[in-house]
Protein backbone atom coordinates (compact mmCIF):
# COMPACT_ATOMS: atom_id res chain seq x y z
CA MET A 1 7.27 22.37 18.89
CA ASP A 2 5.09 22.29 15.76
CA ASP A 3 2.36 24.37 17.44
CA LEU A 4 4.92 26.90 18.64
CA SER A 5 6.47 27.15 15.17
CA SER A 6 3.10 27.78 13.54
CA HIS A 7 2.04 30.47 16.03
CA TRP A 8 5.24 32.50 16.26
CA LYS A 9 3.54 35.56 14.72
CA SER A 10 1.33 35.94 17.79
CA LEU A 11 4.27 35.88 20.24
CA SER A 12 5.93 38.90 21.82
CA LEU A 13 9.56 38.55 20.77
CA SER A 14 12.43 39.76 22.90
CA GLU A 15 15.41 41.65 21.54
CA LYS A 16 17.34 38.39 21.22
CA GLU A 17 14.46 36.58 19.54
CA GLY A 18 13.94 39.18 16.82
CA PRO A 19 14.39 40.66 14.28
CA SER A 20 14.81 37.63 12.07
CA LEU A 21 18.19 36.37 10.83
CA THR A 22 18.79 36.07 7.09
CA LEU A 23 20.18 32.79 5.83
CA LYS A 24 22.19 33.02 2.61
CA SER A 25 22.31 30.41 -0.09
CA ASP A 26 26.04 29.79 0.41
CA GLN A 27 25.26 28.60 3.95
CA ALA A 28 23.09 25.74 2.70
CA THR A 29 24.45 22.26 2.16
CA THR A 30 25.12 21.32 -1.46
CA GLU A 31 23.34 17.98 -1.51
CA PHE A 32 20.36 16.53 -3.30
CA SER A 33 17.67 14.84 -1.28
CA MET A 34 14.74 12.44 -1.48
CA MET A 35 12.09 11.86 1.13
CA ALA A 36 10.81 8.31 1.60
CA ARG A 37 7.76 7.08 3.43
CA PHE A 38 7.85 3.37 4.32
CA LEU A 39 4.47 1.65 4.60
CA VAL A 40 5.59 -1.46 6.44
CA LYS A 41 3.88 -2.08 9.78
CA HIS A 42 7.00 -3.13 11.66
CA SER A 43 9.80 -0.83 12.77
CA ILE A 44 12.63 -0.18 10.33
CA ASN A 45 16.33 0.38 10.81
CA LEU A 46 18.86 2.19 8.68
CA ASP A 47 21.17 -0.81 8.23
CA ALA A 48 18.42 -2.93 6.67
CA ILE A 49 17.43 -0.12 4.33
CA ALA A 50 21.04 0.51 3.29
CA ASN A 51 21.61 -3.19 2.61
CA THR A 52 18.48 -3.28 0.46
CA PHE A 53 18.94 -0.19 -1.69
CA ASN A 54 22.70 0.19 -2.01
CA PRO A 55 22.99 -2.66 -4.58
CA LEU A 56 19.82 -1.47 -6.34
CA TRP A 57 20.60 2.23 -6.63
CA ARG A 58 24.36 1.84 -7.19
CA SER A 59 25.19 5.43 -6.34
CA LYS A 60 28.74 6.36 -7.36
CA THR A 61 29.38 8.44 -4.23
CA GLY A 62 27.00 6.70 -1.84
CA PHE A 63 24.23 8.34 0.16
CA ARG A 64 23.30 9.33 3.70
CA MET A 65 20.12 8.52 5.62
CA LYS A 66 18.37 10.21 8.52
CA PHE A 67 15.19 9.45 10.43
CA ILE A 68 12.95 12.52 10.47
CA GLY A 69 9.72 10.95 11.67
CA ASP A 70 7.77 7.73 12.05
CA HIS A 71 8.71 5.61 9.00
CA LEU A 72 10.05 8.73 7.27
CA ILE A 73 13.65 8.80 6.07
CA LEU A 74 15.61 11.53 4.32
CA PHE A 75 18.10 10.28 1.71
CA SER A 76 20.89 12.71 0.76
CA PHE A 77 23.15 12.39 -2.29
CA ASP A 78 26.08 14.38 -3.65
CA SER A 79 24.89 13.82 -7.23
CA LYS A 80 21.69 15.16 -8.75
CA GLU A 81 21.99 12.50 -11.46
CA ASP A 82 21.63 9.75 -8.83
CA VAL A 83 18.40 11.28 -7.54
CA ASP A 84 17.02 11.78 -11.06
CA ARG A 85 17.78 8.18 -12.01
CA ILE A 86 16.23 6.70 -8.84
CA LEU A 87 13.06 8.77 -9.13
CA ALA A 88 12.70 7.90 -12.81
CA ALA A 89 12.73 4.19 -11.90
CA LYS A 90 9.77 4.35 -9.48
CA PRO A 91 7.96 2.57 -7.96
CA TRP A 92 10.23 1.22 -5.22
CA SER A 93 9.24 -1.12 -2.44
CA PHE A 94 10.73 -2.33 0.81
CA ASP A 95 9.94 -5.75 2.25
CA LYS A 96 7.35 -6.11 -0.57
CA HIS A 97 5.47 -3.00 0.61
CA ILE A 98 5.17 0.15 -1.45
CA MET A 99 7.50 3.03 -0.61
CA VAL A 100 6.44 6.60 -1.35
CA ILE A 101 9.50 8.49 -2.50
CA LEU A 102 9.81 12.02 -3.86
CA ARG A 103 12.31 14.76 -4.48
CA TYR A 104 12.76 16.87 -1.37
CA ASN A 105 13.45 20.58 -1.14
CA ASN A 106 15.64 21.01 1.91
CA SER A 107 13.78 24.19 2.88
CA ALA A 108 10.31 22.60 2.75
CA VAL A 109 8.25 21.26 5.63
CA VAL A 110 7.40 17.56 5.45
CA ASN A 111 3.68 16.85 5.15
CA ILE A 112 2.60 13.22 5.27
CA SER A 113 -0.63 14.04 3.43
CA ASP A 114 1.45 15.03 0.40
CA MET A 115 3.15 11.62 0.32
CA ALA A 116 0.32 9.51 -1.05
CA THR A 117 1.18 9.40 -4.76
CA VAL A 118 3.38 6.86 -6.55
CA SER A 119 4.28 6.59 -10.24
CA PHE A 120 3.61 3.32 -12.05
CA TRP A 121 3.89 1.90 -15.53
CA VAL A 122 0.44 0.54 -16.37
CA GLN A 123 -0.06 -1.89 -19.25
CA VAL A 124 -3.37 -1.31 -21.02
CA HIS A 125 -4.44 -4.62 -22.56
CA ASP A 126 -7.19 -5.69 -24.96
CA ILE A 127 -7.48 -2.41 -26.86
CA PRO A 128 -8.89 -3.19 -30.34
CA LEU A 129 -6.02 -3.17 -32.81
CA ARG A 130 -7.11 -0.12 -34.81
CA PHE A 131 -7.23 1.94 -31.59
CA ARG A 132 -4.04 0.53 -30.08
CA ASN A 133 -1.89 3.65 -29.72
CA LYS A 134 -0.46 5.86 -26.98
CA ASP A 135 -3.10 8.61 -27.19
CA VAL A 136 -5.98 6.17 -26.88
CA ALA A 137 -4.38 4.35 -23.93
CA GLU A 138 -3.80 7.64 -22.11
CA TYR A 139 -7.38 8.68 -22.82
CA ILE A 140 -8.71 5.40 -21.41
CA TYR A 141 -6.64 5.53 -18.23
CA GLY A 142 -6.71 9.30 -17.79
CA ALA A 143 -9.81 9.29 -15.60
CA MET A 144 -8.11 7.04 -13.00
CA GLY A 145 -4.81 8.83 -12.52
CA PHE A 146 -2.62 11.70 -13.62
CA VAL A 147 -0.89 10.69 -16.85
CA LEU A 148 2.84 11.42 -17.05
CA GLN A 149 4.73 11.86 -20.31
CA PRO A 150 7.69 9.47 -20.67
CA GLU A 151 11.01 10.70 -22.00
CA ASN A 152 11.20 7.92 -24.59
CA LEU A 153 8.01 7.31 -26.58
CA ASN A 154 9.31 3.88 -27.63
CA ASP A 155 8.79 2.77 -24.01
CA CYS A 156 5.01 2.96 -24.55
CA ASP A 157 4.50 0.34 -27.24
CA GLY A 158 4.44 -3.19 -25.87
CA GLY A 159 3.11 -4.82 -29.02
CA SER A 160 -0.02 -6.49 -27.69
CA PHE A 161 -0.54 -3.68 -25.16
CA ILE A 162 0.27 0.00 -24.62
CA ARG A 163 2.17 1.21 -21.56
CA VAL A 164 1.06 4.36 -19.76
CA ARG A 165 3.06 6.15 -17.06
CA VAL A 166 0.69 7.43 -14.35
CA ALA A 167 0.77 8.91 -10.85
CA LEU A 168 -1.66 7.06 -8.56
CA ASN A 169 -3.06 7.82 -5.14
CA ILE A 170 -2.13 4.63 -3.27
CA SER A 171 -4.89 5.11 -0.69
CA LEU A 172 -7.50 4.50 -3.41
CA PRO A 173 -8.35 1.09 -4.92
CA LEU A 174 -6.46 0.13 -8.06
CA CYS A 175 -8.53 0.21 -11.21
CA GLN A 176 -8.69 -3.21 -12.85
CA GLY A 177 -9.96 -2.07 -16.22
CA ARG A 178 -12.57 -0.01 -17.98
CA LEU A 179 -15.52 -0.42 -20.27
CA ILE A 180 -15.21 1.42 -23.56
CA THR A 181 -17.72 1.89 -26.35
CA LEU A 182 -16.48 1.68 -29.93
CA ASP A 183 -17.81 3.84 -32.75
CA ASN A 184 -20.14 1.00 -33.80
CA ASP A 185 -21.71 1.04 -30.27
CA GLU A 186 -19.98 -2.22 -29.35
CA VAL A 187 -19.06 -2.32 -25.65
CA HIS A 188 -15.58 -3.64 -24.93
CA TRP A 189 -13.60 -4.37 -21.72
CA VAL A 190 -10.03 -3.08 -21.50
CA SER A 191 -7.90 -4.52 -18.68
CA PHE A 192 -5.04 -2.94 -16.73
CA LYS A 193 -1.91 -4.60 -15.39
CA TYR A 194 0.64 -2.87 -13.17
CA GLU A 195 4.40 -3.32 -13.47
CA ARG A 196 6.49 -3.89 -10.32
CA LEU A 197 3.37 -4.09 -8.21
CA PRO A 198 4.19 -4.73 -4.51
CA ASN A 199 1.86 -6.09 -1.83
CA LEU A 200 -1.72 -4.89 -2.04
CA CYS A 201 -4.98 -5.69 -0.32
CA TYR A 202 -6.85 -8.28 -2.38
CA TRP A 203 -10.02 -7.29 -0.55
CA CYS A 204 -10.14 -3.55 -1.27
CA GLY A 205 -7.37 -3.00 -3.82
CA CYS A 206 -5.38 -0.43 -1.84
CA LEU A 207 -1.59 -0.39 -1.68
CA THR A 208 -1.20 1.01 1.82
CA TYR A 209 -1.51 -2.45 3.43
CA SER A 210 -1.75 -6.11 2.48
CA ASP A 211 -4.87 -8.28 2.58
CA LYS A 212 -3.94 -9.82 5.95
CA ASP A 213 -4.14 -6.33 7.49
CA TYR A 214 -7.57 -5.55 6.03
CA GLU A 215 -9.80 -4.44 8.89
CA ARG A 216 -12.86 -6.47 7.91
CA TRP A 217 -10.75 -9.59 7.40
CA ILE A 218 -9.28 -9.22 10.89
CA GLU A 219 -12.70 -8.62 12.43
CA SER A 220 -14.11 -11.71 10.70
CA GLU A 221 -11.38 -13.84 12.34
CA GLY A 222 -10.82 -15.62 9.06
CA SER A 223 -14.47 -16.42 8.39
CA GLN A 224 -14.55 -14.46 5.14
CA SER A 225 -13.83 -16.57 2.07
CA LYS A 226 -10.93 -15.48 -0.10
CA GLU A 227 -13.09 -16.39 -3.08
CA ASP A 228 -14.96 -13.17 -2.31
CA GLN A 229 -11.85 -11.04 -2.87
CA HIS A 230 -12.35 -8.54 -5.69
CA PHE A 231 -8.65 -8.13 -6.52
CA GLY A 232 -5.89 -10.60 -7.24
CA SER A 233 -2.55 -11.45 -8.80
CA TRP A 234 -3.93 -10.84 -12.30
CA LEU A 235 -3.19 -7.16 -11.70
CA ARG A 236 0.55 -7.88 -11.79
CA ALA A 237 2.17 -7.35 -15.17
CA ALA A 238 5.01 -9.44 -16.48
CA PRO A 239 8.32 -7.53 -16.66
CA PHE A 240 8.53 -5.33 -19.74
CA MET A 241 11.47 -6.19 -22.00
CA ALA A 242 12.52 -2.81 -23.34
CA SER A 243 15.39 -4.32 -25.34
CA ARG A 244 13.02 -6.42 -27.44
CA LYS A 245 11.91 -4.45 -30.49
CA SER A 246 8.12 -4.65 -30.81
CA PHE A 247 7.73 -2.59 -33.96
CA LEU A 248 9.75 -1.38 -36.95
CA SER A 249 9.02 1.29 -39.52
CA VAL A 250 10.34 0.40 -43.00
CA SER A 251 10.72 3.04 -45.70
CA GLY A 252 9.67 2.45 -49.30
CA PHE A 253 11.99 0.30 -51.44
CA TYR A 254 12.83 2.98 -53.98
CA ALA A 255 13.16 5.68 -51.33
CA SER A 256 15.71 3.64 -49.39
CA LYS A 257 17.56 2.75 -52.60
CA LYS A 258 17.74 6.42 -53.55
CA ALA A 259 19.00 7.31 -50.07
CA ARG A 260 21.78 4.70 -50.27
CA LYS A 261 22.84 5.94 -53.70
CA SER A 262 22.90 9.52 -52.48
CA SER A 263 25.06 8.63 -49.48
CA GLN A 264 27.51 6.70 -51.70
CA THR A 265 27.79 9.65 -54.08
CA HIS A 266 28.40 12.02 -51.16
CA ALA A 267 31.08 9.73 -49.72
CA GLY A 268 32.81 9.48 -53.12
CA ALA A 269 32.87 13.27 -53.48
CA GLN A 270 34.69 13.60 -50.14
CA THR A 271 37.50 11.17 -51.08
């Protein structure tokens, strides 16, 4: 069917097969969709997926699911706000394996090769204090992934680290850190930790499978020592507590006193 659809221009169309029909926008369904690619090895069923994500997503009007390919599911919602909220909270995982999820245009053709990128919050640790700011953290991590701009800048400052929102190709190894050179020529190691990190291969650092599915590990029949693994649990970041204030800007004493006096005078003039 796919080959026929892609070569229709070379066909001789009958009177019934052409000319083309025009579809109007009012004929389309008014729903908002997400496409999800599940990277688990075993088969999946809709009931298990619904039981997993219904209490997590908490959609007001619910959602509908449809298989459209091998480990590909289309989620449809009546509310755009539900889709926006779910996508903003990426990454998501199922059965501890990463799930690639993106907004879906109902007129687009699904291409698996386009579903290889997942957004993560990355904590950049060990930046020297005088360089510990959002711009520097984005500059350090920028070579490893596409940096996204968060809606709330306060979400970036973790106190002892800086958080960076990035889009990563999950088929490539995670970056554990980076060497930086300070302006005094001192070389320094900056480490990365990933929030809500699901299963990954501790041998190669990829997120598309776990270490027990690593090809070389299987071929070795368990003879390879896990001490030789180049990746580990140290890549997992502790949950970020957004409610805990990590910084506070305090105005000058006399400036704040003057502001309070001005507000009191203004309030008295209104009474």
